[in-house]
Amino acid sequence: ASNVPRVEVSWPAGKAALREGDGFTLHCQAAALRPVAGYVWSRGDVWLPGAGQDLRVEKAAISDEGSYACGVWVSGPGWGYLSFSARESVEVQ
């Protein structure tokens, strides 16, 4: 459904695999959700504080492997809810 956020992964163009030391970005795409009040990210069952719509990892380590999801806070006067994406798997070689 278009009102469910989606995680898009990007890393250096032309690379089939992510290697240790590469940077990568996860982008939370939430086109149909309005108004967006904020974003949250998790890797497995670990919350990743301080990220916005993009979660940027400058130098990937094996510990950055895992399954990522973003959540979008949608809220207005007197109401709000959190919509979560499907999980996107990231592997580091």
Protein backbone atom coordinates (compact mmCIF):
# COMPACT_ATOMS: atom_id res chain seq x y z
CA ALA A 1 0.00 0.00 0.00
CA SER A 2 1.25 3.49 -0.79
CA ASN A 3 0.63 4.73 2.76
CA VAL A 4 3.20 2.32 4.21
CA PRO A 5 6.75 3.69 4.33
CA ARG A 6 9.50 1.96 2.38
CA VAL A 7 13.23 1.71 3.04
CA GLU A 8 15.50 2.41 0.07
CA VAL A 9 19.18 1.46 0.34
CA SER A 10 21.95 3.16 -1.61
CA TRP A 11 25.69 2.60 -1.54
CA PRO A 12 28.56 3.25 -3.95
CA ALA A 13 27.27 2.95 -7.50
CA GLY A 14 28.36 -0.10 -9.44
CA LYS A 15 29.13 -2.16 -6.36
CA ALA A 16 27.15 -5.36 -6.06
CA ALA A 17 28.11 -5.86 -2.42
CA LEU A 18 28.77 -3.64 0.54
CA ARG A 19 32.25 -4.04 2.00
CA GLU A 20 33.66 -2.98 5.36
CA GLY A 21 34.56 0.70 5.21
CA ASP A 22 32.01 1.57 2.51
CA GLY A 23 29.42 4.19 3.29
CA PHE A 24 25.73 3.62 2.75
CA THR A 25 22.48 5.49 3.18
CA LEU A 26 19.02 4.24 4.06
CA HIS A 27 16.20 6.52 2.96
CA CYS A 28 12.72 6.35 4.44
CA GLN A 29 10.24 6.94 1.63
CA ALA A 30 6.79 7.91 2.91
CA ALA A 31 5.10 9.70 0.05
CA ALA A 32 1.47 9.34 1.08
CA LEU A 33 1.88 9.97 4.81
CA ARG A 34 1.00 13.50 5.97
CA PRO A 35 1.84 15.41 8.05
CA VAL A 36 5.13 13.75 9.02
CA ALA A 37 6.21 14.69 12.55
CA GLY A 38 9.40 12.63 12.64
CA TYR A 39 11.24 9.42 11.80
CA VAL A 40 12.56 6.53 13.89
CA TRP A 41 14.88 3.72 12.81
CA SER A 42 15.65 0.26 14.13
CA ARG A 43 18.21 -2.40 13.31
CA GLY A 44 16.86 -5.70 14.52
CA ASP A 45 15.50 -4.88 17.98
CA VAL A 46 17.91 -1.96 18.53
CA TRP A 47 16.57 1.60 18.23
CA LEU A 48 18.87 4.01 16.39
CA PRO A 49 18.38 7.49 17.85
CA GLY A 50 19.11 10.76 16.13
CA ALA A 51 18.43 9.79 12.53
CA GLY A 52 16.04 11.71 10.31
CA GLN A 53 14.51 10.66 7.02
CA ASP A 54 17.96 9.41 5.97
CA LEU A 55 20.11 7.08 8.06
CA ARG A 56 23.72 7.51 6.92
CA VAL A 57 26.53 5.12 7.84
CA GLU A 58 29.90 6.62 6.87
CA LYS A 59 32.06 3.51 7.30
CA ALA A 60 30.21 0.23 7.42
CA ALA A 61 31.33 -2.41 9.91
CA ILE A 62 30.16 -5.98 10.37
CA SER A 63 28.13 -4.66 13.31
CA ASP A 64 26.07 -2.56 10.86
CA GLU A 65 24.70 -5.73 9.27
CA GLY A 66 21.12 -6.50 9.96
CA SER A 67 17.56 -5.87 9.10
CA TYR A 68 16.54 -2.21 9.15
CA ALA A 69 13.11 -0.65 9.38
CA CYS A 70 11.95 2.93 9.52
CA GLY A 71 8.94 4.28 11.30
CA VAL A 72 7.15 7.48 10.40
CA TRP A 73 5.34 9.53 13.04
CA VAL A 74 2.26 11.06 11.46
CA SER A 75 0.37 13.50 13.64
CA GLY A 76 -2.06 16.34 13.73
CA PRO A 77 -3.98 18.21 16.43
CA GLY A 78 -5.08 15.58 18.95
CA TRP A 79 -4.07 12.51 16.97
CA GLY A 80 -0.96 10.64 15.90
CA TYR A 81 0.27 7.22 14.87
CA LEU A 82 3.48 5.43 13.94
CA SER A 83 3.63 3.61 10.60
CA PHE A 84 6.45 1.07 10.12
CA SER A 85 8.10 -0.07 6.91
CA ALA A 86 8.91 -3.63 5.99
CA ARG A 87 12.43 -4.65 7.00
CA GLU A 88 15.30 -4.22 4.57
CA SER A 89 18.34 -6.45 4.98
CA VAL A 90 21.88 -5.02 4.81
CA GLU A 91 24.89 -7.33 4.49
CA VAL A 92 28.50 -6.22 5.00
CA GLN A 93 31.36 -8.33 3.60
